[in-house]
Amino acid sequence: MARQIVNIVEDKMGEDILLLDVSEHCPFADYFVLCNGTSDRQLKALVASVRETVKKELSILPHHIEGEPFAGWILLDYHNVIVHVFSPELRAYYDLEEVWQEGKVLVRVQ
């Protein structure tokens, strides 16, 4: 599922996409998918595409959603896969790559 989400955000022109395996270091998820969107509109489109495609193809709905496009970040919680969609500024601010640096980079699309 995590790899499929990477494909979805790549198809929607998400930027700086990262798939991290955090399974050995994180008690609440196995994978993080991080990506940037360049505008509120793109953030909204990325999230909508992930939600619709995962629901259609895998019959899975997010357990929890936090954030808003206008706030510059959205989190989709699919239990073992957490999707983080950021504006570039907030991605740099939260710096999850540094926080979860012990995770294994599985995919990076720049």
PDB file of N, CA and C in Angstrom:
ATOM      1  N   MET A   1       0.825  -1.190   0.000  1.00  0.00           N
ATOM      2  CA  MET A   1       0.000   0.000   0.000  1.00  0.00           C
ATOM      3  C   MET A   1       0.871   1.257   0.000  1.00  0.00           C
ATOM      4  N   ALA A   2       1.946   1.255   0.772  1.00  0.00           N
ATOM      5  CA  ALA A   2       2.804   2.434   0.840  1.00  0.00           C
ATOM      6  C   ALA A   2       3.387   2.756  -0.533  1.00  0.00           C
ATOM      7  N   ARG A   3       3.839   1.741  -1.243  1.00  0.00           N
ATOM      8  CA  ARG A   3       4.416   1.969  -2.569  1.00  0.00           C
ATOM      9  C   ARG A   3       3.350   2.472  -3.536  1.00  0.00           C
ATOM     10  N   GLN A   4       2.145   1.970  -3.414  1.00  0.00           N
ATOM     11  CA  GLN A   4       1.050   2.426  -4.263  1.00  0.00           C
ATOM     12  C   GLN A   4       0.749   3.910  -3.987  1.00  0.00           C
ATOM     13  N   ILE A   5       0.807   4.326  -2.752  1.00  0.00           N
ATOM     14  CA  ILE A   5       0.575   5.729  -2.406  1.00  0.00           C
ATOM     15  C   ILE A   5       1.664   6.606  -3.011  1.00  0.00           C
ATOM     16  N   VAL A   6       2.902   6.129  -2.991  1.00  0.00           N
ATOM     17  CA  VAL A   6       3.983   6.870  -3.649  1.00  0.00           C
ATOM     18  C   VAL A   6       3.640   7.080  -5.125  1.00  0.00           C
ATOM     19  N   ASN A   7       3.173   6.048  -5.789  1.00  0.00           N
ATOM     20  CA  ASN A   7       2.793   6.157  -7.205  1.00  0.00           C
ATOM     21  C   ASN A   7       1.662   7.158  -7.411  1.00  0.00           C
ATOM     22  N   ILE A   8       0.705   7.156  -6.507  1.00  0.00           N
ATOM     23  CA  ILE A   8      -0.440   8.069  -6.615  1.00  0.00           C
ATOM     24  C   ILE A   8       0.032   9.521  -6.528  1.00  0.00           C
ATOM     25  N   VAL A   9       0.840   9.840  -5.521  1.00  0.00           N
ATOM     26  CA  VAL A   9       1.278  11.230  -5.367  1.00  0.00           C
ATOM     27  C   VAL A   9       2.250  11.634  -6.473  1.00  0.00           C
ATOM     28  N   GLU A  10       3.003  10.677  -6.989  1.00  0.00           N
ATOM     29  CA  GLU A  10       3.884  10.976  -8.117  1.00  0.00           C
ATOM     30  C   GLU A  10       3.057  11.308  -9.358  1.00  0.00           C
ATOM     31  N   ASP A  11       1.982  10.558  -9.589  1.00  0.00           N
ATOM     32  CA  ASP A  11       1.102  10.817 -10.733  1.00  0.00           C
ATOM     33  C   ASP A  11       0.416  12.179 -10.629  1.00  0.00           C
ATOM     34  N   LYS A  12       0.182  12.648  -9.411  1.00  0.00           N
ATOM     35  CA  LYS A  12      -0.464  13.949  -9.191  1.00  0.00           C
ATOM     36  C   LYS A  12       0.551  15.073  -9.044  1.00  0.00           C
ATOM     37  N   MET A  13       1.785  14.800  -9.430  1.00  0.00           N
ATOM     38  CA  MET A  13       2.854  15.803  -9.452  1.00  0.00           C
ATOM     39  C   MET A  13       3.282  16.261  -8.060  1.00  0.00           C
ATOM     40  N   GLY A  14       3.138  15.379  -7.061  1.00  0.00           N
ATOM     41  CA  GLY A  14       3.699  15.677  -5.759  1.00  0.00           C
ATOM     42  C   GLY A  14       5.215  15.794  -5.900  1.00  0.00           C
ATOM     43  N   GLU A  15       5.831  16.573  -5.042  1.00  0.00           N
ATOM     44  CA  GLU A  15       7.263  16.819  -5.132  1.00  0.00           C
ATOM     45  C   GLU A  15       7.990  16.251  -3.923  1.00  0.00           C
ATOM     46  N   ASP A  16       9.272  15.958  -4.110  1.00  0.00           N
ATOM     47  CA  ASP A  16      10.151  15.471  -3.046  1.00  0.00           C
ATOM     48  C   ASP A  16       9.483  14.352  -2.260  1.00  0.00           C
ATOM     49  N   ILE A  17       9.140  13.283  -2.957  1.00  0.00           N
ATOM     50  CA  ILE A  17       8.413  12.156  -2.373  1.00  0.00           C
ATOM     51  C   ILE A  17       9.409  11.223  -1.687  1.00  0.00           C
ATOM     52  N   LEU A  18       9.058  10.803  -0.491  1.00  0.00           N
ATOM     53  CA  LEU A  18       9.925   9.932   0.289  1.00  0.00           C
ATOM     54  C   LEU A  18       9.083   8.829   0.925  1.00  0.00           C
ATOM     55  N   LEU A  19       9.554   7.591   0.782  1.00  0.00           N
ATOM     56  CA  LEU A  19       8.943   6.452   1.464  1.00  0.00           C
ATOM     57  C   LEU A  19       9.965   5.935   2.466  1.00  0.00           C
ATOM     58  N   LEU A  20       9.610   6.014   3.742  1.00  0.00           N
ATOM     59  CA  LEU A  20      10.484   5.573   4.829  1.00  0.00           C
ATOM     60  C   LEU A  20       9.910   4.337   5.504  1.00  0.00           C
ATOM     61  N   ASP A  21      10.757   3.347   5.733  1.00  0.00           N
ATOM     62  CA  ASP A  21      10.402   2.192   6.554  1.00  0.00           C
ATOM     63  C   ASP A  21      10.809   2.535   7.979  1.00  0.00           C
ATOM     64  N   VAL A  22       9.834   2.751   8.831  1.00  0.00           N
ATOM     65  CA  VAL A  22      10.090   3.107  10.223  1.00  0.00           C
ATOM     66  C   VAL A  22       9.668   1.991  11.176  1.00  0.00           C
ATOM     67  N   SER A  23       9.429   0.822  10.624  1.00  0.00           N
ATOM     68  CA  SER A  23       8.855  -0.287  11.391  1.00  0.00           C
ATOM     69  C   SER A  23       9.690  -0.686  12.605  1.00  0.00           C
ATOM     70  N   GLU A  24      10.999  -0.538  12.528  1.00  0.00           N
ATOM     71  CA  GLU A  24      11.848  -0.934  13.652  1.00  0.00           C
ATOM     72  C   GLU A  24      11.997   0.166  14.704  1.00  0.00           C
ATOM     73  N   HIS A  25      11.483   1.359  14.410  1.00  0.00           N
ATOM     74  CA  HIS A  25      11.714   2.493  15.297  1.00  0.00           C
ATOM     75  C   HIS A  25      10.432   3.211  15.721  1.00  0.00           C
ATOM     76  N   CYS A  26       9.316   2.815  15.165  1.00  0.00           N
ATOM     77  CA  CYS A  26       8.058   3.520  15.405  1.00  0.00           C
ATOM     78  C   CYS A  26       7.007   2.536  15.915  1.00  0.00           C
ATOM     79  N   PRO A  27       6.399   2.803  17.054  1.00  0.00           N
ATOM     80  CA  PRO A  27       5.419   1.870  17.605  1.00  0.00           C
ATOM     81  C   PRO A  27       4.038   1.938  16.949  1.00  0.00           C
ATOM     82  N   PHE A  28       3.769   2.972  16.147  1.00  0.00           N
ATOM     83  CA  PHE A  28       2.415   3.150  15.632  1.00  0.00           C
ATOM     84  C   PHE A  28       2.291   3.022  14.123  1.00  0.00           C
ATOM     85  N   ALA A  29       3.383   2.831  13.401  1.00  0.00           N
ATOM     86  CA  ALA A  29       3.303   2.697  11.939  1.00  0.00           C
ATOM     87  C   ALA A  29       4.530   1.964  11.422  1.00  0.00           C
ATOM     88  N   ASP A  30       4.393   1.399  10.224  1.00  0.00           N
ATOM     89  CA  ASP A  30       5.510   0.722   9.565  1.00  0.00           C
ATOM     90  C   ASP A  30       6.167   1.616   8.519  1.00  0.00           C
ATOM     91  N   TYR A  31       5.348   2.454   7.870  1.00  0.00           N
ATOM     92  CA  TYR A  31       5.850   3.279   6.776  1.00  0.00           C
ATOM     93  C   TYR A  31       5.326   4.698   6.884  1.00  0.00           C
ATOM     94  N   PHE A  32       6.168   5.637   6.477  1.00  0.00           N
ATOM     95  CA  PHE A  32       5.769   7.025   6.287  1.00  0.00           C
ATOM     96  C   PHE A  32       5.953   7.347   4.812  1.00  0.00           C
ATOM     97  N   VAL A  33       4.958   8.000   4.239  1.00  0.00           N
ATOM     98  CA  VAL A  33       5.084   8.580   2.910  1.00  0.00           C
ATOM     99  C   VAL A  33       5.026  10.085   3.106  1.00  0.00           C
ATOM    100  N   LEU A  34       6.057  10.791   2.645  1.00  0.00           N
ATOM    101  CA  LEU A  34       6.109  12.249   2.747  1.00  0.00           C
ATOM    102  C   LEU A  34       6.161  12.820   1.348  1.00  0.00           C
ATOM    103  N   CYS A  35       5.458  13.924   1.146  1.00  0.00           N
ATOM    104  CA  CYS A  35       5.553  14.624  -0.131  1.00  0.00           C
ATOM    105  C   CYS A  35       5.172  16.082   0.056  1.00  0.00           C
ATOM    106  N   ASN A  36       5.563  16.880  -0.927  1.00  0.00           N
ATOM    107  CA  ASN A  36       5.252  18.307  -0.940  1.00  0.00           C
ATOM    108  C   ASN A  36       4.239  18.603  -2.040  1.00  0.00           C
ATOM    109  N   GLY A  37       3.451  19.634  -1.790  1.00  0.00           N
ATOM    110  CA  GLY A  37       2.607  20.244  -2.805  1.00  0.00           C
ATOM    111  C   GLY A  37       2.926  21.724  -2.854  1.00  0.00           C
ATOM    112  N   THR A  38       2.779  22.315  -4.012  1.00  0.00           N
ATOM    113  CA  THR A  38       3.211  23.697  -4.184  1.00  0.00           C
ATOM    114  C   THR A  38       2.136  24.737  -3.868  1.00  0.00           C
ATOM    115  N   SER A  39       0.910  24.300  -3.630  1.00  0.00           N
ATOM    116  CA  SER A  39      -0.177  25.237  -3.332  1.00  0.00           C
ATOM    117  C   SER A  39      -1.245  24.519  -2.511  1.00  0.00           C
ATOM    118  N   ASP A  40      -2.140  25.306  -1.916  1.00  0.00           N
ATOM    119  CA  ASP A  40      -3.267  24.713  -1.191  1.00  0.00           C
ATOM    120  C   ASP A  40      -4.067  23.788  -2.104  1.00  0.00           C
ATOM    121  N   ARG A  41      -4.263  24.237  -3.327  1.00  0.00           N
ATOM    122  CA  ARG A  41      -5.032  23.464  -4.298  1.00  0.00           C
ATOM    123  C   ARG A  41      -4.367  22.111  -4.583  1.00  0.00           C
ATOM    124  N   GLN A  42      -3.046  22.119  -4.735  1.00  0.00           N
ATOM    125  CA  GLN A  42      -2.352  20.865  -5.006  1.00  0.00           C
ATOM    126  C   GLN A  42      -2.363  19.957  -3.779  1.00  0.00           C
ATOM    127  N   LEU A  43      -2.193  20.519  -2.593  1.00  0.00           N
ATOM    128  CA  LEU A  43      -2.272  19.709  -1.380  1.00  0.00           C
ATOM    129  C   LEU A  43      -3.621  19.002  -1.307  1.00  0.00           C
ATOM    130  N   LYS A  44      -4.674  19.748  -1.587  1.00  0.00           N
ATOM    131  CA  LYS A  44      -6.019  19.179  -1.571  1.00  0.00           C
ATOM    132  C   LYS A  44      -6.160  18.075  -2.618  1.00  0.00           C
ATOM    133  N   ALA A  45      -5.624  18.294  -3.811  1.00  0.00           N
ATOM    134  CA  ALA A  45      -5.707  17.303  -4.887  1.00  0.00           C
ATOM    135  C   ALA A  45      -4.911  16.041  -4.542  1.00  0.00           C
ATOM    136  N   LEU A  46      -3.748  16.208  -3.942  1.00  0.00           N
ATOM    137  CA  LEU A  46      -2.941  15.044  -3.556  1.00  0.00           C
ATOM    138  C   LEU A  46      -3.683  14.184  -2.538  1.00  0.00           C
ATOM    139  N   VAL A  47      -4.235  14.823  -1.531  1.00  0.00           N
ATOM    140  CA  VAL A  47      -4.966  14.093  -0.490  1.00  0.00           C
ATOM    141  C   VAL A  47      -6.204  13.414  -1.080  1.00  0.00           C
ATOM    142  N   ALA A  48      -6.948  14.131  -1.896  1.00  0.00           N
ATOM    143  CA  ALA A  48      -8.154  13.554  -2.504  1.00  0.00           C
ATOM    144  C   ALA A  48      -7.803  12.351  -3.373  1.00  0.00           C
ATOM    145  N   SER A  49      -6.736  12.447  -4.120  1.00  0.00           N
ATOM    146  CA  SER A  49      -6.339  11.349  -4.991  1.00  0.00           C
ATOM    147  C   SER A  49      -5.922  10.124  -4.186  1.00  0.00           C
ATOM    148  N   VAL A  50      -5.167  10.327  -3.127  1.00  0.00           N
ATOM    149  CA  VAL A  50      -4.773   9.199  -2.273  1.00  0.00           C
ATOM    150  C   VAL A  50      -6.015   8.557  -1.673  1.00  0.00           C
ATOM    151  N   ARG A  51      -6.889   9.357  -1.099  1.00  0.00           N
ATOM    152  CA  ARG A  51      -8.103   8.817  -0.465  1.00  0.00           C
ATOM    153  C   ARG A  51      -8.957   8.039  -1.454  1.00  0.00           C
ATOM    154  N   GLU A  52      -9.216   8.623  -2.617  1.00  0.00           N
ATOM    155  CA  GLU A  52     -10.085   7.988  -3.609  1.00  0.00           C
ATOM    156  C   GLU A  52      -9.473   6.712  -4.180  1.00  0.00           C
ATOM    157  N   THR A  53      -8.201   6.752  -4.515  1.00  0.00           N
ATOM    158  CA  THR A  53      -7.562   5.597  -5.143  1.00  0.00           C
ATOM    159  C   THR A  53      -7.398   4.440  -4.163  1.00  0.00           C
ATOM    160  N   VAL A  54      -6.963   4.739  -2.942  1.00  0.00           N
ATOM    161  CA  VAL A  54      -6.809   3.671  -1.940  1.00  0.00           C
ATOM    162  C   VAL A  54      -8.172   3.057  -1.615  1.00  0.00           C
ATOM    163  N   LYS A  55      -9.193   3.885  -1.533  1.00  0.00           N
ATOM    164  CA  LYS A  55     -10.542   3.353  -1.280  1.00  0.00           C
ATOM    165  C   LYS A  55     -10.999   2.480  -2.440  1.00  0.00           C
ATOM    166  N   LYS A  56     -10.821   2.942  -3.660  1.00  0.00           N
ATOM    167  CA  LYS A  56     -11.278   2.209  -4.845  1.00  0.00           C
ATOM    168  C   LYS A  56     -10.499   0.918  -5.064  1.00  0.00           C
ATOM    169  N   GLU A  57      -9.185   0.991  -4.969  1.00  0.00           N
ATOM    170  CA  GLU A  57      -8.355  -0.157  -5.328  1.00  0.00           C
ATOM    171  C   GLU A  57      -8.093  -1.117  -4.175  1.00  0.00           C
ATOM    172  N   LEU A  58      -8.094  -0.625  -2.949  1.00  0.00           N
ATOM    173  CA  LEU A  58      -7.780  -1.473  -1.800  1.00  0.00           C
ATOM    174  C   LEU A  58      -8.924  -1.591  -0.794  1.00  0.00           C
ATOM    175  N   SER A  59      -9.988  -0.833  -1.013  1.00  0.00           N
ATOM    176  CA  SER A  59     -11.142  -0.817  -0.107  1.00  0.00           C
ATOM    177  C   SER A  59     -10.742  -0.441   1.322  1.00  0.00           C
ATOM    178  N   ILE A  60      -9.830   0.518   1.425  1.00  0.00           N
ATOM    179  CA  ILE A  60      -9.356   0.963   2.734  1.00  0.00           C
ATOM    180  C   ILE A  60      -9.588   2.464   2.858  1.00  0.00           C
ATOM    181  N   LEU A  61     -10.163   2.862   3.978  1.00  0.00           N
ATOM    182  CA  LEU A  61     -10.353   4.273   4.299  1.00  0.00           C
ATOM    183  C   LEU A  61      -9.336   4.682   5.353  1.00  0.00           C
ATOM    184  N   PRO A  62      -8.933   5.942   5.372  1.00  0.00           N
ATOM    185  CA  PRO A  62      -8.016   6.365   6.431  1.00  0.00           C
ATOM    186  C   PRO A  62      -8.690   6.270   7.788  1.00  0.00           C
ATOM    187  N   HIS A  63      -7.922   5.831   8.761  1.00  0.00           N
ATOM    188  CA  HIS A  63      -8.412   5.744  10.137  1.00  0.00           C
ATOM    189  C   HIS A  63      -8.625   7.138  10.719  1.00  0.00           C
ATOM    190  N   HIS A  64      -7.739   8.050  10.318  1.00  0.00           N
ATOM    191  CA  HIS A  64      -7.784   9.404  10.874  1.00  0.00           C
ATOM    192  C   HIS A  64      -7.151  10.373   9.885  1.00  0.00           C
ATOM    193  N   ILE A  65      -7.672  11.587   9.839  1.00  0.00           N
ATOM    194  CA  ILE A  65      -7.106  12.646   9.001  1.00  0.00           C
ATOM    195  C   ILE A  65      -6.935  13.881   9.875  1.00  0.00           C
ATOM    196  N   GLU A  66      -5.777  14.517   9.758  1.00  0.00           N
ATOM    197  CA  GLU A  66      -5.517  15.756  10.484  1.00  0.00           C
ATOM    198  C   GLU A  66      -5.004  16.806   9.521  1.00  0.00           C
ATOM    199  N   GLY A  67      -5.179  18.070   9.882  1.00  0.00           N
ATOM    200  CA  GLY A  67      -4.659  19.176   9.098  1.00  0.00           C
ATOM    201  C   GLY A  67      -5.584  19.590   7.973  1.00  0.00           C
ATOM    202  N   GLU A  68      -5.202  20.673   7.324  1.00  0.00           N
ATOM    203  CA  GLU A  68      -5.978  21.244   6.225  1.00  0.00           C
ATOM    204  C   GLU A  68      -5.025  21.788   5.175  1.00  0.00           C
ATOM    205  N   PRO A  69      -5.424  21.792   3.905  1.00  0.00           N
ATOM    206  CA  PRO A  69      -4.551  22.344   2.870  1.00  0.00           C
ATOM    207  C   PRO A  69      -4.120  23.786   3.153  1.00  0.00           C
ATOM    208  N   PHE A  70      -5.056  24.623   3.616  1.00  0.00           N
ATOM    209  CA  PHE A  70      -4.703  26.027   3.869  1.00  0.00           C
ATOM    210  C   PHE A  70      -3.699  26.171   5.010  1.00  0.00           C
ATOM    211  N   ALA A  71      -3.588  25.153   5.867  1.00  0.00           N
ATOM    212  CA  ALA A  71      -2.618  25.177   6.962  1.00  0.00           C
ATOM    213  C   ALA A  71      -1.237  24.693   6.520  1.00  0.00           C
ATOM    214  N   GLY A  72      -1.163  24.103   5.334  1.00  0.00           N
ATOM    215  CA  GLY A  72       0.126  23.672   4.802  1.00  0.00           C
ATOM    216  C   GLY A  72       0.532  22.254   5.142  1.00  0.00           C
ATOM    217  N   TRP A  73      -0.362  21.489   5.753  1.00  0.00           N
ATOM    218  CA  TRP A  73      -0.044  20.096   6.030  1.00  0.00           C
ATOM    219  C   TRP A  73      -1.316  19.283   6.216  1.00  0.00           C
ATOM    220  N   ILE A  74      -1.236  18.038   5.814  1.00  0.00           N
ATOM    221  CA  ILE A  74      -2.317  17.084   6.017  1.00  0.00           C
ATOM    222  C   ILE A  74      -1.684  15.744   6.331  1.00  0.00           C
ATOM    223  N   LEU A  75      -2.256  15.027   7.274  1.00  0.00           N
ATOM    224  CA  LEU A  75      -1.812  13.697   7.637  1.00  0.00           C
ATOM    225  C   LEU A  75      -2.958  12.731   7.407  1.00  0.00           C
ATOM    226  N   LEU A  76      -2.687  11.647   6.691  1.00  0.00           N
ATOM    227  CA  LEU A  76      -3.644  10.560   6.498  1.00  0.00           C
ATOM    228  C   LEU A  76      -3.106   9.336   7.231  1.00  0.00           C
ATOM    229  N   ASP A  77      -3.863   8.823   8.175  1.00  0.00           N
ATOM    230  CA  ASP A  77      -3.435   7.683   8.979  1.00  0.00           C
ATOM    231  C   ASP A  77      -4.144   6.422   8.484  1.00  0.00           C
ATOM    232  N   TYR A  78      -3.377   5.556   7.844  1.00  0.00           N
ATOM    233  CA  TYR A  78      -3.878   4.256   7.387  1.00  0.00           C
ATOM    234  C   TYR A  78      -3.342   3.140   8.284  1.00  0.00           C
ATOM    235  N   HIS A  79      -3.215   3.395   9.551  1.00  0.00           N
ATOM    236  CA  HIS A  79      -2.670   2.498  10.570  1.00  0.00           C
ATOM    237  C   HIS A  79      -1.192   2.215  10.334  1.00  0.00           C
ATOM    238  N   ASN A  80      -0.868   1.298   9.444  1.00  0.00           N
ATOM    239  CA  ASN A  80       0.548   0.963   9.261  1.00  0.00           C
ATOM    240  C   ASN A  80       1.256   1.891   8.276  1.00  0.00           C
ATOM    241  N   VAL A  81       0.504   2.714   7.552  1.00  0.00           N
ATOM    242  CA  VAL A  81       1.076   3.694   6.630  1.00  0.00           C
ATOM    243  C   VAL A  81       0.538   5.073   6.996  1.00  0.00           C
ATOM    244  N   ILE A  82       1.453   5.995   7.265  1.00  0.00           N
ATOM    245  CA  ILE A  82       1.076   7.372   7.564  1.00  0.00           C
ATOM    246  C   ILE A  82       1.538   8.233   6.393  1.00  0.00           C
ATOM    247  N   VAL A  83       0.615   8.999   5.820  1.00  0.00           N
ATOM    248  CA  VAL A  83       0.920   9.856   4.683  1.00  0.00           C
ATOM    249  C   VAL A  83       0.965  11.300   5.177  1.00  0.00           C
ATOM    250  N   HIS A  84       2.094  11.968   4.920  1.00  0.00           N
ATOM    251  CA  HIS A  84       2.301  13.363   5.310  1.00  0.00           C
ATOM    252  C   HIS A  84       2.394  14.189   4.033  1.00  0.00           C
ATOM    253  N   VAL A  85       1.469  15.114   3.854  1.00  0.00           N
ATOM    254  CA  VAL A  85       1.472  15.992   2.681  1.00  0.00           C
ATOM    255  C   VAL A  85       1.706  17.412   3.204  1.00  0.00           C
ATOM    256  N   PHE A  86       2.783  18.032   2.729  1.00  0.00           N
ATOM    257  CA  PHE A  86       3.218  19.316   3.272  1.00  0.00           C
ATOM    258  C   PHE A  86       3.389  20.376   2.196  1.00  0.00           C
ATOM    259  N   SER A  87       3.306  21.632   2.620  1.00  0.00           N
ATOM    260  CA  SER A  87       3.904  22.719   1.848  1.00  0.00           C
ATOM    261  C   SER A  87       5.409  22.597   2.075  1.00  0.00           C
ATOM    262  N   PRO A  88       6.234  23.069   1.138  1.00  0.00           N
ATOM    263  CA  PRO A  88       7.687  22.972   1.345  1.00  0.00           C
ATOM    264  C   PRO A  88       8.165  23.638   2.640  1.00  0.00           C
ATOM    265  N   GLU A  89       7.565  24.765   3.007  1.00  0.00           N
ATOM    266  CA  GLU A  89       7.981  25.481   4.208  1.00  0.00           C
ATOM    267  C   GLU A  89       7.701  24.665   5.471  1.00  0.00           C
ATOM    268  N   LEU A  90       6.524  24.067   5.560  1.00  0.00           N
ATOM    269  CA  LEU A  90       6.201  23.294   6.763  1.00  0.00           C
ATOM    270  C   LEU A  90       6.954  21.973   6.801  1.00  0.00           C
ATOM    271  N   ARG A  91       7.236  21.412   5.636  1.00  0.00           N
ATOM    272  CA  ARG A  91       8.053  20.190   5.625  1.00  0.00           C
ATOM    273  C   ARG A  91       9.437  20.494   6.197  1.00  0.00           C
ATOM    274  N   ALA A  92      10.006  21.605   5.800  1.00  0.00           N
ATOM    275  CA  ALA A  92      11.314  21.995   6.331  1.00  0.00           C
ATOM    276  C   ALA A  92      11.217  22.276   7.841  1.00  0.00           C
ATOM    277  N   TYR A  93      10.132  22.906   8.260  1.00  0.00           N
ATOM    278  CA  TYR A  93       9.959  23.237   9.670  1.00  0.00           C
ATOM    279  C   TYR A  93       9.860  21.979  10.542  1.00  0.00           C
ATOM    280  N   TYR A  94       9.015  21.029  10.144  1.00  0.00           N
ATOM    281  CA  TYR A  94       8.827  19.812  10.938  1.00  0.00           C
ATOM    282  C   TYR A  94       9.972  18.816  10.767  1.00  0.00           C
ATOM    283  N   ASP A  95      10.641  18.835   9.628  1.00  0.00           N
ATOM    284  CA  ASP A  95      11.843  18.049   9.365  1.00  0.00           C
ATOM    285  C   ASP A  95      11.733  16.596   9.838  1.00  0.00           C
ATOM    286  N   LEU A  96      10.688  15.924   9.368  1.00  0.00           N
ATOM    287  CA  LEU A  96      10.475  14.533   9.770  1.00  0.00           C
ATOM    288  C   LEU A  96      11.601  13.609   9.322  1.00  0.00           C
ATOM    289  N   GLU A  97      12.287  13.963   8.252  1.00  0.00           N
ATOM    290  CA  GLU A  97      13.419  13.154   7.818  1.00  0.00           C
ATOM    291  C   GLU A  97      14.492  13.099   8.911  1.00  0.00           C
ATOM    292  N   GLU A  98      14.691  14.203   9.598  1.00  0.00           N
ATOM    293  CA  GLU A  98      15.661  14.241  10.694  1.00  0.00           C
ATOM    294  C   GLU A  98      15.123  13.505  11.918  1.00  0.00           C
ATOM    295  N   VAL A  99      13.858  13.738  12.236  1.00  0.00           N
ATOM    296  CA  VAL A  99      13.248  13.091  13.400  1.00  0.00           C
ATOM    297  C   VAL A  99      13.297  11.571  13.258  1.00  0.00           C
ATOM    298  N   TRP A 100      13.015  11.075  12.051  1.00  0.00           N
ATOM    299  CA  TRP A 100      12.971   9.633  11.792  1.00  0.00           C
ATOM    300  C   TRP A 100      14.171   9.175  10.961  1.00  0.00           C
ATOM    301  N   GLN A 101      15.323   9.770  11.211  1.00  0.00           N
ATOM    302  CA  GLN A 101      16.519   9.469  10.429  1.00  0.00           C
ATOM    303  C   GLN A 101      16.970   8.018  10.549  1.00  0.00           C
ATOM    304  N   GLU A 102      16.547   7.327  11.573  1.00  0.00           N
ATOM    305  CA  GLU A 102      16.907   5.919  11.720  1.00  0.00           C
ATOM    306  C   GLU A 102      16.084   5.017  10.807  1.00  0.00           C
ATOM    307  N   GLY A 103      15.027   5.568  10.226  1.00  0.00           N
ATOM    308  CA  GLY A 103      14.222   4.803   9.279  1.00  0.00           C
ATOM    309  C   GLY A 103      15.005   4.554   7.994  1.00  0.00           C
ATOM    310  N   LYS A 104      14.587   3.520   7.301  1.00  0.00           N
ATOM    311  CA  LYS A 104      15.257   3.151   6.042  1.00  0.00           C
ATOM    312  C   LYS A 104      14.534   3.798   4.854  1.00  0.00           C
ATOM    313  N   VAL A 105      15.281   4.530   4.041  1.00  0.00           N
ATOM    314  CA  VAL A 105      14.707   5.137   2.838  1.00  0.00           C
ATOM    315  C   VAL A 105      14.496   4.032   1.806  1.00  0.00           C
ATOM    316  N   LEU A 106      13.236   3.812   1.429  1.00  0.00           N
ATOM    317  CA  LEU A 106      12.913   2.794   0.429  1.00  0.00           C
ATOM    318  C   LEU A 106      12.780   3.397  -0.952  1.00  0.00           C
ATOM    319  N   VAL A 107      12.204   4.602  -1.035  1.00  0.00           N
ATOM    320  CA  VAL A 107      12.000   5.291  -2.307  1.00  0.00           C
ATOM    321  C   VAL A 107      12.182   6.776  -2.071  1.00  0.00           C
ATOM    322  N   ARG A 108      12.884   7.429  -2.998  1.00  0.00           N
ATOM    323  CA  ARG A 108      12.979   8.891  -3.004  1.00  0.00           C
ATOM    324  C   ARG A 108      12.793   9.350  -4.430  1.00  0.00           C
ATOM    325  N   VAL A 109      11.788  10.194  -4.645  1.00  0.00           N
ATOM    326  CA  VAL A 109      11.505  10.764  -5.966  1.00  0.00           C
ATOM    327  C   VAL A 109      11.605  12.266  -5.824  1.00  0.00           C
ATOM    328  N   GLN A 110      12.579  12.859  -6.527  1.00  0.00           N
ATOM    329  CA  GLN A 110      12.760  14.305  -6.396  1.00  0.00           C
ATOM    330  C   GLN A 110      12.411  15.036  -7.655  1.00  0.00           C
TER     331      GLN A 110
END
